[in-house]
C-alpha atoms as a PDB file:
ATOM      1  CA  MET A   1      20.826 -62.556 -48.096  1.00  0.00           C
ATOM      2  CA  ARG A   2      17.071 -62.487 -47.477  1.00  0.00           C
ATOM      3  CA  GLU A   3      16.059 -62.351 -43.800  1.00  0.00           C
ATOM      4  CA  GLN A   4      14.679 -65.600 -42.445  1.00  0.00           C
ATOM      5  CA  ARG A   5      10.926 -65.602 -41.932  1.00  0.00           C
ATOM      6  CA  ILE A   6       9.399 -67.384 -38.954  1.00  0.00           C
ATOM      7  CA  ALA A   7       5.902 -68.871 -38.993  1.00  0.00           C
ATOM      8  CA  LEU A   8       4.176 -70.405 -35.973  1.00  0.00           C
ATOM      9  CA  VAL A   9       1.039 -72.560 -35.902  1.00  0.00           C
ATOM     10  CA  THR A  10      -0.751 -73.631 -32.711  1.00  0.00           C
ATOM     11  CA  GLY A  11      -2.685 -76.879 -32.420  1.00  0.00           C
ATOM     12  CA  ALA A  12      -0.601 -78.216 -35.282  1.00  0.00           C
ATOM     13  CA  ASN A  13       0.091 -81.897 -34.663  1.00  0.00           C
ATOM     14  CA  GLN A  14      -3.003 -83.016 -36.596  1.00  0.00           C
ATOM     15  CA  GLY A  15      -5.831 -81.888 -38.847  1.00  0.00           C
ATOM     16  CA  ILE A  16      -5.992 -78.316 -40.066  1.00  0.00           C
ATOM     17  CA  GLY A  17      -2.994 -77.143 -38.039  1.00  0.00           C
ATOM     18  CA  TYR A  18      -0.821 -79.905 -39.467  1.00  0.00           C
ATOM     19  CA  ALA A  19      -1.985 -78.980 -42.973  1.00  0.00           C
ATOM     20  CA  PHE A  20      -1.101 -75.331 -42.337  1.00  0.00           C
ATOM     21  CA  VAL A  21       2.441 -76.278 -41.332  1.00  0.00           C
ATOM     22  CA  ARG A  22       2.891 -78.464 -44.414  1.00  0.00           C
ATOM     23  CA  GLU A  23       1.479 -75.882 -46.836  1.00  0.00           C
ATOM     24  CA  LEU A  24       3.542 -73.064 -45.357  1.00  0.00           C
ATOM     25  CA  ALA A  25       6.712 -75.163 -45.405  1.00  0.00           C
ATOM     26  CA  ILE A  26       6.198 -76.107 -49.053  1.00  0.00           C
ATOM     27  CA  ARG A  27       5.565 -72.543 -50.156  1.00  0.00           C
ATOM     28  CA  MET A  28       8.032 -70.621 -48.013  1.00  0.00           C
ATOM     29  CA  ASN A  29      11.770 -70.519 -48.703  1.00  0.00           C
ATOM     30  CA  GLU A  30      14.291 -73.098 -47.527  1.00  0.00           C
ATOM     31  CA  GLU A  31      15.920 -70.623 -45.150  1.00  0.00           C
ATOM     32  CA  ASP A  32      12.588 -69.932 -43.439  1.00  0.00           C
ATOM     33  CA  LEU A  33      11.380 -71.650 -40.253  1.00  0.00           C
ATOM     34  CA  VAL A  34       7.923 -73.077 -39.547  1.00  0.00           C
ATOM     35  CA  LEU A  35       7.185 -73.928 -35.919  1.00  0.00           C
ATOM     36  CA  LEU A  36       4.720 -76.742 -35.307  1.00  0.00           C
ATOM     37  CA  THR A  37       3.313 -76.457 -31.791  1.00  0.00           C
ATOM     38  CA  GLY A  38       1.082 -78.639 -29.639  1.00  0.00           C
ATOM     39  CA  ARG A  39       0.615 -79.769 -26.051  1.00  0.00           C
ATOM     40  CA  ASP A  40       1.800 -83.367 -26.323  1.00  0.00           C
ATOM     41  CA  PRO A  41       5.580 -83.734 -26.787  1.00  0.00           C
ATOM     42  CA  ASP A  42       5.333 -87.157 -28.442  1.00  0.00           C
ATOM     43  CA  ARG A  43       2.669 -86.084 -30.918  1.00  0.00           C
ATOM     44  CA  VAL A  44       4.594 -82.930 -31.773  1.00  0.00           C
ATOM     45  CA  ALA A  45       7.766 -84.943 -32.397  1.00  0.00           C
ATOM     46  CA  THR A  46       5.900 -87.491 -34.522  1.00  0.00           C
ATOM     47  CA  ALA A  47       4.254 -84.807 -36.643  1.00  0.00           C
ATOM     48  CA  VAL A  48       7.562 -83.017 -37.255  1.00  0.00           C
ATOM     49  CA  ALA A  49       9.244 -86.294 -38.227  1.00  0.00           C
ATOM     50  CA  GLU A  50       6.447 -87.142 -40.684  1.00  0.00           C
ATOM     51  CA  LEU A  51       6.650 -83.761 -42.358  1.00  0.00           C
ATOM     52  CA  ALA A  52      10.435 -83.770 -42.505  1.00  0.00           C
ATOM     53  CA  ASP A  53      10.298 -87.022 -44.469  1.00  0.00           C
ATOM     54  CA  SER A  54       7.466 -86.011 -46.802  1.00  0.00           C
ATOM     55  CA  GLU A  55       8.855 -83.248 -48.998  1.00  0.00           C
ATOM     56  CA  ALA A  56      12.183 -82.027 -50.363  1.00  0.00           C
ATOM     57  CA  GLY A  57      13.054 -78.356 -50.573  1.00  0.00           C
ATOM     58  CA  MET A  58      10.703 -77.259 -47.824  1.00  0.00           C
ATOM     59  CA  ALA A  59      11.296 -74.599 -45.253  1.00  0.00           C
ATOM     60  CA  ARG A  60      12.742 -75.988 -42.040  1.00  0.00           C
ATOM     61  CA  ILE A  61      10.143 -77.362 -39.617  1.00  0.00           C
ATOM     62  CA  GLU A  62      10.724 -77.479 -35.872  1.00  0.00           C
ATOM     63  CA  GLY A  63       8.458 -78.589 -33.064  1.00  0.00           C
ATOM     64  CA  ARG A  64       7.701 -76.677 -29.901  1.00  0.00           C
ATOM     65  CA  VAL A  65       5.649 -77.951 -26.983  1.00  0.00           C
ATOM     66  CA  LEU A  66       3.091 -75.253 -26.248  1.00  0.00           C
ATOM     67  CA  ASP A  67      -0.068 -75.407 -24.159  1.00  0.00           C
ATOM     68  CA  VAL A  68      -1.971 -72.277 -25.197  1.00  0.00           C
ATOM     69  CA  THR A  69      -4.011 -72.393 -21.978  1.00  0.00           C
ATOM     70  CA  ASP A  70      -0.780 -71.607 -20.099  1.00  0.00           C
ATOM     71  CA  ALA A  71      -0.455 -67.851 -20.624  1.00  0.00           C
ATOM     72  CA  GLU A  72       3.064 -67.772 -19.205  1.00  0.00           C
ATOM     73  CA  ALA A  73       4.179 -70.512 -21.618  1.00  0.00           C
ATOM     74  CA  VAL A  74       2.794 -68.495 -24.526  1.00  0.00           C
ATOM     75  CA  ALA A  75       4.584 -65.388 -23.259  1.00  0.00           C
ATOM     76  CA  ALA A  76       7.836 -67.319 -22.757  1.00  0.00           C
ATOM     77  CA  LEU A  77       7.815 -68.604 -26.338  1.00  0.00           C
ATOM     78  CA  ALA A  78       7.172 -65.106 -27.645  1.00  0.00           C
ATOM     79  CA  ARG A  79      10.129 -63.831 -25.620  1.00  0.00           C
ATOM     80  CA  GLU A  80      12.306 -66.656 -26.899  1.00  0.00           C
ATOM     81  CA  LEU A  81      11.522 -65.932 -30.535  1.00  0.00           C
ATOM     82  CA  GLY A  82      11.686 -62.153 -30.272  1.00  0.00           C
ATOM     83  CA  ALA A  83      10.090 -61.618 -33.685  1.00  0.00           C
ATOM     84  CA  VAL A  84       7.733 -63.565 -35.944  1.00  0.00           C
ATOM     85  CA  ASP A  85       6.278 -63.086 -39.415  1.00  0.00           C
ATOM     86  CA  ILE A  86       3.269 -65.409 -39.466  1.00  0.00           C
ATOM     87  CA  VAL A  87       1.202 -66.598 -36.516  1.00  0.00           C
ATOM     88  CA  ILE A  88      -1.808 -68.883 -36.943  1.00  0.00           C
ATOM     89  CA  SER A  89      -3.852 -69.525 -33.816  1.00  0.00           C
ATOM     90  CA  ASN A  90      -5.564 -72.815 -34.582  1.00  0.00           C
ATOM     91  CA  ALA A  91      -5.769 -74.694 -31.267  1.00  0.00           C
ATOM     92  CA  VAL A  92      -9.260 -75.758 -30.250  1.00  0.00           C
ATOM     93  CA  GLY A  93     -10.634 -77.884 -27.445  1.00  0.00           C
ATOM     94  CA  PRO A  94     -12.531 -81.115 -28.087  1.00  0.00           C
ATOM     95  CA  LEU A  95     -16.315 -81.396 -28.129  1.00  0.00           C
ATOM     96  CA  HIS A  96     -18.092 -84.743 -27.865  1.00  0.00           C
ATOM     97  CA  PRO A  97     -21.771 -85.370 -28.690  1.00  0.00           C
ATOM     98  CA  ASP A  98     -22.108 -87.903 -25.877  1.00  0.00           C
ATOM     99  CA  ARG A  99     -21.375 -85.308 -23.182  1.00  0.00           C
ATOM    100  CA  THR A 100     -23.340 -82.185 -22.284  1.00  0.00           C
ATOM    101  CA  GLN A 101     -22.100 -78.874 -23.628  1.00  0.00           C
ATOM    102  CA  ALA A 102     -21.935 -77.460 -20.096  1.00  0.00           C
ATOM    103  CA  GLU A 103     -19.611 -80.140 -18.766  1.00  0.00           C
ATOM    104  CA  GLN A 104     -17.219 -79.554 -21.670  1.00  0.00           C
ATOM    105  CA  ALA A 105     -17.294 -75.768 -21.486  1.00  0.00           C
ATOM    106  CA  ASP A 106     -14.197 -75.105 -19.367  1.00  0.00           C
ATOM    107  CA  VAL A 107     -11.731 -77.069 -21.473  1.00  0.00           C
ATOM    108  CA  PHE A 108     -13.221 -75.797 -24.702  1.00  0.00           C
ATOM    109  CA  ILE A 109     -13.224 -72.135 -23.614  1.00  0.00           C
ATOM    110  CA  ASP A 110      -9.734 -72.369 -22.127  1.00  0.00           C
ATOM    111  CA  VAL A 111      -8.253 -73.580 -25.416  1.00  0.00           C
ATOM    112  CA  ALA A 112     -10.352 -71.854 -28.062  1.00  0.00           C
ATOM    113  CA  ASN A 113     -10.800 -68.497 -26.335  1.00  0.00           C
ATOM    114  CA  LEU A 114      -8.245 -67.953 -23.608  1.00  0.00           C
ATOM    115  CA  GLY A 115      -5.644 -69.619 -25.818  1.00  0.00           C
ATOM    116  CA  ALA A 116      -6.408 -67.432 -28.824  1.00  0.00           C
ATOM    117  CA  GLN A 117      -6.469 -64.333 -26.635  1.00  0.00           C
ATOM    118  CA  ALA A 118      -3.054 -65.201 -25.179  1.00  0.00           C
ATOM    119  CA  VAL A 119      -1.615 -65.692 -28.670  1.00  0.00           C
ATOM    120  CA  LEU A 120      -3.002 -62.324 -29.789  1.00  0.00           C
ATOM    121  CA  ARG A 121      -1.652 -60.561 -26.702  1.00  0.00           C
ATOM    122  CA  GLU A 122       1.847 -62.048 -26.771  1.00  0.00           C
ATOM    123  CA  PHE A 123       2.607 -62.454 -30.464  1.00  0.00           C
ATOM    124  CA  GLY A 124       0.933 -59.302 -31.741  1.00  0.00           C
ATOM    125  CA  PRO A 125       3.657 -57.050 -30.267  1.00  0.00           C
ATOM    126  CA  ILE A 126       6.483 -59.090 -31.826  1.00  0.00           C
ATOM    127  CA  LEU A 127       4.924 -59.381 -35.285  1.00  0.00           C
ATOM    128  CA  ARG A 128       7.270 -57.930 -37.887  1.00  0.00           C
ATOM    129  CA  PRO A 129       5.978 -55.230 -40.272  1.00  0.00           C
ATOM    130  CA  GLY A 130       4.140 -56.922 -43.123  1.00  0.00           C
ATOM    131  CA  GLY A 131       3.385 -59.931 -40.923  1.00  0.00           C
ATOM    132  CA  ARG A 132       0.248 -62.027 -40.564  1.00  0.00           C
ATOM    133  CA  LEU A 133      -1.668 -62.610 -37.310  1.00  0.00           C
ATOM    134  CA  ILE A 134      -4.479 -65.064 -38.004  1.00  0.00           C
ATOM    135  CA  VAL A 135      -7.074 -66.783 -35.813  1.00  0.00           C
ATOM    136  CA  VAL A 136      -8.861 -69.811 -37.257  1.00  0.00           C
ATOM    137  CA  ALA A 137     -12.521 -69.306 -36.388  1.00  0.00           C
ATOM    138  CA  SER A 138     -15.712 -70.115 -38.287  1.00  0.00           C
ATOM    139  CA  SER A 139     -18.681 -68.564 -40.052  1.00  0.00           C
ATOM    140  CA  LEU A 140     -20.411 -69.185 -36.714  1.00  0.00           C
ATOM    141  CA  GLY A 141     -18.389 -66.246 -35.398  1.00  0.00           C
ATOM    142  CA  THR A 142     -20.761 -63.526 -36.625  1.00  0.00           C
ATOM    143  CA  LEU A 143     -23.044 -61.551 -34.339  1.00  0.00           C
ATOM    144  CA  GLU A 144     -26.215 -63.022 -35.819  1.00  0.00           C
ATOM    145  CA  GLN A 145     -25.394 -66.271 -34.009  1.00  0.00           C
ATOM    146  CA  LEU A 146     -26.246 -64.532 -30.724  1.00  0.00           C
ATOM    147  CA  PRO A 147     -29.421 -62.836 -29.517  1.00  0.00           C
ATOM    148  CA  GLU A 148     -29.217 -59.116 -30.219  1.00  0.00           C
ATOM    149  CA  PRO A 149     -29.115 -58.113 -26.532  1.00  0.00           C
ATOM    150  CA  LEU A 150     -25.710 -59.833 -26.294  1.00  0.00           C
ATOM    151  CA  TRP A 151     -24.153 -58.075 -29.270  1.00  0.00           C
ATOM    152  CA  GLY A 152     -22.870 -55.196 -27.182  1.00  0.00           C
ATOM    153  CA  ARG A 153     -20.679 -57.570 -25.197  1.00  0.00           C
ATOM    154  CA  PHE A 154     -18.602 -58.220 -28.332  1.00  0.00           C
ATOM    155  CA  ASP A 155     -19.089 -55.332 -30.756  1.00  0.00           C
ATOM    156  CA  GLY A 156     -16.716 -52.365 -30.656  1.00  0.00           C
ATOM    157  CA  VAL A 157     -15.074 -53.506 -27.439  1.00  0.00           C
ATOM    158  CA  THR A 158     -11.511 -53.975 -26.211  1.00  0.00           C
ATOM    159  CA  LEU A 159      -9.723 -57.290 -25.817  1.00  0.00           C
ATOM    160  CA  ASP A 160     -10.105 -56.972 -22.032  1.00  0.00           C
ATOM    161  CA  GLU A 161     -13.854 -56.594 -22.503  1.00  0.00           C
ATOM    162  CA  VAL A 162     -14.018 -59.634 -24.762  1.00  0.00           C
ATOM    163  CA  GLU A 163     -12.202 -61.630 -22.093  1.00  0.00           C
ATOM    164  CA  GLN A 164     -14.646 -60.406 -19.445  1.00  0.00           C
ATOM    165  CA  ALA A 165     -17.624 -61.340 -21.630  1.00  0.00           C
ATOM    166  CA  VAL A 166     -16.203 -64.841 -22.037  1.00  0.00           C
ATOM    167  CA  GLU A 167     -15.746 -65.218 -18.288  1.00  0.00           C
ATOM    168  CA  ASP A 168     -19.274 -63.920 -17.606  1.00  0.00           C
ATOM    169  CA  TRP A 169     -20.629 -66.461 -20.103  1.00  0.00           C
ATOM    170  CA  ARG A 170     -18.599 -69.226 -18.416  1.00  0.00           C
ATOM    171  CA  ALA A 171     -19.949 -68.202 -15.015  1.00  0.00           C
ATOM    172  CA  ALA A 172     -23.517 -68.254 -16.346  1.00  0.00           C
ATOM    173  CA  ILE A 173     -22.982 -71.789 -17.639  1.00  0.00           C
ATOM    174  CA  HIS A 174     -21.830 -72.935 -14.207  1.00  0.00           C
ATOM    175  CA  ASP A 175     -24.488 -71.163 -12.160  1.00  0.00           C
ATOM    176  CA  GLY A 176     -27.280 -72.323 -14.463  1.00  0.00           C
ATOM    177  CA  THR A 177     -28.317 -68.872 -15.726  1.00  0.00           C
ATOM    178  CA  ALA A 178     -26.905 -69.094 -19.266  1.00  0.00           C
ATOM    179  CA  GLU A 179     -30.253 -69.828 -20.935  1.00  0.00           C
ATOM    180  CA  GLU A 180     -32.148 -67.028 -19.201  1.00  0.00           C
ATOM    181  CA  LYS A 181     -29.360 -64.602 -20.104  1.00  0.00           C
ATOM    182  CA  GLY A 182     -29.675 -65.549 -23.770  1.00  0.00           C
ATOM    183  CA  TRP A 183     -26.528 -67.595 -24.252  1.00  0.00           C
ATOM    184  CA  PRO A 184     -26.950 -70.384 -26.845  1.00  0.00           C
ATOM    185  CA  GLU A 185     -26.750 -73.914 -25.486  1.00  0.00           C
ATOM    186  CA  TRP A 186     -24.180 -74.949 -28.105  1.00  0.00           C
ATOM    187  CA  ILE A 187     -20.952 -73.455 -26.811  1.00  0.00           C
ATOM    188  CA  ASN A 188     -19.353 -73.223 -30.236  1.00  0.00           C
ATOM    189  CA  PHE A 189     -21.551 -70.197 -31.071  1.00  0.00           C
ATOM    190  CA  PRO A 190     -20.412 -67.792 -28.322  1.00  0.00           C
ATOM    191  CA  SER A 191     -16.892 -69.180 -28.512  1.00  0.00           C
ATOM    192  CA  LYS A 192     -16.505 -68.395 -32.201  1.00  0.00           C
ATOM    193  CA  VAL A 193     -18.105 -64.962 -31.819  1.00  0.00           C
ATOM    194  CA  ALA A 194     -15.651 -64.221 -29.025  1.00  0.00           C
ATOM    195  CA  GLN A 195     -12.704 -65.349 -31.176  1.00  0.00           C
ATOM    196  CA  VAL A 196     -13.708 -63.027 -33.994  1.00  0.00           C
ATOM    197  CA  ALA A 197     -14.415 -60.201 -31.545  1.00  0.00           C
ATOM    198  CA  ALA A 198     -10.945 -60.632 -30.020  1.00  0.00           C
ATOM    199  CA  VAL A 199      -9.356 -60.289 -33.453  1.00  0.00           C
ATOM    200  CA  ARG A 200     -11.452 -57.210 -34.187  1.00  0.00           C
ATOM    201  CA  ALA A 201     -10.425 -55.665 -30.864  1.00  0.00           C
ATOM    202  CA  VAL A 202      -6.717 -56.204 -31.500  1.00  0.00           C
ATOM    203  CA  ALA A 203      -7.053 -54.982 -35.094  1.00  0.00           C
ATOM    204  CA  ALA A 204      -8.800 -51.784 -33.981  1.00  0.00           C
ATOM    205  CA  ASP A 205      -5.829 -50.890 -31.756  1.00  0.00           C
ATOM    206  CA  ARG A 206      -3.201 -51.305 -34.479  1.00  0.00           C
ATOM    207  CA  ARG A 207      -5.088 -50.644 -37.712  1.00  0.00           C
ATOM    208  CA  THR A 208      -3.354 -47.452 -38.853  1.00  0.00           C
ATOM    209  CA  ARG A 209       0.230 -48.641 -38.604  1.00  0.00           C
ATOM    210  CA  ASP A 210      -0.589 -52.128 -39.867  1.00  0.00           C
ATOM    211  CA  LEU A 211      -2.299 -50.840 -43.002  1.00  0.00           C
ATOM    212  CA  GLU A 212       0.702 -48.600 -43.661  1.00  0.00           C
ATOM    213  CA  ASP A 213       3.176 -51.508 -43.609  1.00  0.00           C
ATOM    214  CA  GLY A 214       0.999 -54.234 -45.119  1.00  0.00           C
ATOM    215  CA  THR A 215       0.422 -56.234 -41.945  1.00  0.00           C
ATOM    216  CA  LEU A 216      -2.732 -58.357 -41.794  1.00  0.00           C
ATOM    217  CA  VAL A 217      -4.670 -59.207 -38.647  1.00  0.00           C
ATOM    218  CA  ALA A 218      -7.759 -61.306 -39.408  1.00  0.00           C
ATOM    219  CA  SER A 219      -9.879 -64.307 -38.511  1.00  0.00           C
ATOM    220  CA  VAL A 220     -10.558 -66.997 -41.081  1.00  0.00           C
ATOM    221  CA  CYS A 221     -13.173 -69.668 -41.699  1.00  0.00           C
ATOM    222  CA  PRO A 222     -11.874 -72.831 -43.389  1.00  0.00           C
ATOM    223  CA  GLY A 223     -15.410 -74.138 -44.056  1.00  0.00           C
ATOM    224  CA  LEU A 224     -16.569 -77.678 -43.368  1.00  0.00           C
ATOM    225  CA  VAL A 225     -13.445 -79.799 -43.067  1.00  0.00           C
ATOM    226  CA  ASP A 226     -13.221 -83.558 -42.648  1.00  0.00           C
ATOM    227  CA  THR A 227     -11.227 -83.945 -39.446  1.00  0.00           C
ATOM    228  CA  ARG A 228     -11.316 -86.176 -36.413  1.00  0.00           C
ATOM    229  CA  ALA A 229     -12.901 -83.324 -34.431  1.00  0.00           C
ATOM    230  CA  SER A 230     -15.715 -82.717 -36.922  1.00  0.00           C
ATOM    231  CA  ARG A 231     -16.567 -86.347 -37.671  1.00  0.00           C
ATOM    232  CA  PRO A 232     -18.814 -86.935 -34.626  1.00  0.00           C
ATOM    233  CA  TRP A 233     -21.003 -83.931 -35.494  1.00  0.00           C
ATOM    234  CA  PHE A 234     -21.910 -84.431 -39.149  1.00  0.00           C
ATOM    235  CA  ASP A 235     -23.386 -87.315 -41.117  1.00  0.00           C
ATOM    236  CA  ASP A 236     -22.734 -86.029 -44.640  1.00  0.00           C
ATOM    237  CA  PHE A 237     -19.150 -85.153 -45.550  1.00  0.00           C
ATOM    238  CA  SER A 238     -19.707 -85.279 -49.304  1.00  0.00           C
ATOM    239  CA  GLN A 239     -19.121 -81.515 -49.565  1.00  0.00           C
ATOM    240  CA  ALA A 240     -16.398 -81.347 -46.931  1.00  0.00           C
ATOM    241  CA  LYS A 241     -12.841 -80.320 -47.709  1.00  0.00           C
ATOM    242  CA  SER A 242      -9.776 -82.209 -46.662  1.00  0.00           C
ATOM    243  CA  PRO A 243      -7.488 -80.243 -44.321  1.00  0.00           C
ATOM    244  CA  ALA A 244      -5.023 -79.770 -47.198  1.00  0.00           C
ATOM    245  CA  GLU A 245      -7.764 -78.329 -49.402  1.00  0.00           C
ATOM    246  CA  ALA A 246      -9.101 -76.116 -46.628  1.00  0.00           C
ATOM    247  CA  VAL A 247      -5.838 -74.351 -45.862  1.00  0.00           C
ATOM    248  CA  LYS A 248      -4.754 -73.533 -49.431  1.00  0.00           C
ATOM    249  CA  PRO A 249      -6.914 -70.413 -49.957  1.00  0.00           C
ATOM    250  CA  ILE A 250      -6.005 -69.189 -46.468  1.00  0.00           C
ATOM    251  CA  VAL A 251      -2.295 -69.613 -47.140  1.00  0.00           C
ATOM    252  CA  ASP A 252      -2.833 -67.807 -50.453  1.00  0.00           C
ATOM    253  CA  VAL A 253      -3.997 -64.782 -48.443  1.00  0.00           C
ATOM    254  CA  ILE A 254      -1.205 -65.161 -45.897  1.00  0.00           C
ATOM    255  CA  LEU A 255       1.605 -65.348 -48.444  1.00  0.00           C
ATOM    256  CA  THR A 256       0.395 -62.784 -50.957  1.00  0.00           C
ATOM    257  CA  ASP A 257       2.639 -59.740 -51.208  1.00  0.00           C
ATOM    258  CA  ARG A 258      -0.292 -57.339 -51.176  1.00  0.00           C
ATOM    259  CA  THR A 259      -3.263 -58.013 -48.959  1.00  0.00           C
ATOM    260  CA  ASP A 260      -6.651 -56.458 -49.518  1.00  0.00           C
ATOM    261  CA  PRO A 261      -6.981 -53.713 -46.864  1.00  0.00           C
ATOM    262  CA  ALA A 262     -10.706 -54.489 -46.661  1.00  0.00           C
ATOM    263  CA  MET A 263      -9.829 -57.844 -45.055  1.00  0.00           C
ATOM    264  CA  TYR A 264      -8.062 -56.178 -42.168  1.00  0.00           C
ATOM    265  CA  GLY A 265      -9.708 -57.145 -38.859  1.00  0.00           C
ATOM    266  CA  GLU A 266     -12.440 -59.108 -40.605  1.00  0.00           C
ATOM    267  CA  LEU A 267     -13.616 -62.720 -40.802  1.00  0.00           C
ATOM    268  CA  VAL A 268     -12.616 -64.168 -44.184  1.00  0.00           C
ATOM    269  CA  ARG A 269     -13.820 -67.339 -45.906  1.00  0.00           C
ATOM    270  CA  ASP A 270     -12.564 -68.420 -49.344  1.00  0.00           C
ATOM    271  CA  GLY A 271     -11.060 -64.982 -49.891  1.00  0.00           C
ATOM    272  CA  LYS A 272     -14.338 -63.181 -49.159  1.00  0.00           C
ATOM    273  CA  ILE A 273     -15.304 -61.120 -46.113  1.00  0.00           C
ATOM    274  CA  LEU A 274     -18.188 -62.398 -43.994  1.00  0.00           C
ATOM    275  CA  PRO A 275     -20.306 -59.568 -42.552  1.00  0.00           C
ATOM    276  CA  TRP A 276     -19.854 -59.120 -38.811  1.00  0.00           C
ATOM    277  CA  LYS A 277     -23.386 -57.783 -38.433  1.00  0.00           C
ATOM    278  CA  PRO A 278     -26.545 -58.889 -40.247  1.00  0.00           C
ATOM    279  CA  SER A 279     -27.763 -56.787 -43.150  1.00  0.00           C
ATOM    280  CA  THR A 280     -30.254 -54.099 -42.118  1.00  0.00           C
ATOM    281  CA  ARG A 281     -32.171 -54.029 -45.412  1.00  0.00           C
END
């Protein structure tokens, strides 16, 4: 009998995360398990119930309450599971146009950055050979989104150094020195760069063995997606994807038997690698 595969998605009770769970469950085998995680127990339970009623022949879906900003909770779930095959770090904090970026920074950074870093740290070691460790980021996660003097904080560094850069950026926001130090006002830029840098750092440590056994560690950009989180920021959604449309090409990469080694450690959008550094032509 084929060994059961386990997939886990964070921030999965709505939007893109919910679509990932549904797409994985449809395309994986009935004996497999897809874990839908989120912070709110009621919303997790509701999402699982909706999905359980929506399709026949899907992989089993279970809910887990998980606050990714609680590093011990992330570690405890990793210990409980023992081994996983697919991990998608999708949780992100809210941003509202009617509040300043600075006053929203802590919650946003805690979820999008500390949360993703905790998932990488705890689930990377229990990823089975041939597994997938994916962080949902954005095309905003390339170095060209930052002034060049800041590139060294994120390029060719360790995960510890990425975490320190994030905390230094947070401190600069709070002490009012972020602008003079070159940090963009819109916190999504440094946050996404730090997410991609964290993936690159983890990938650099495990590249050789992962490429030998077909494991993929990567960040992905779903493109412009029509979700509750994105609605306040854009006026024109005529070219936006639905969450279901956005996740399909990513799940194609996740579930393919043979991944392109060139994607390893990189930021991928629509099956193509986005350059980490600007062209030097």
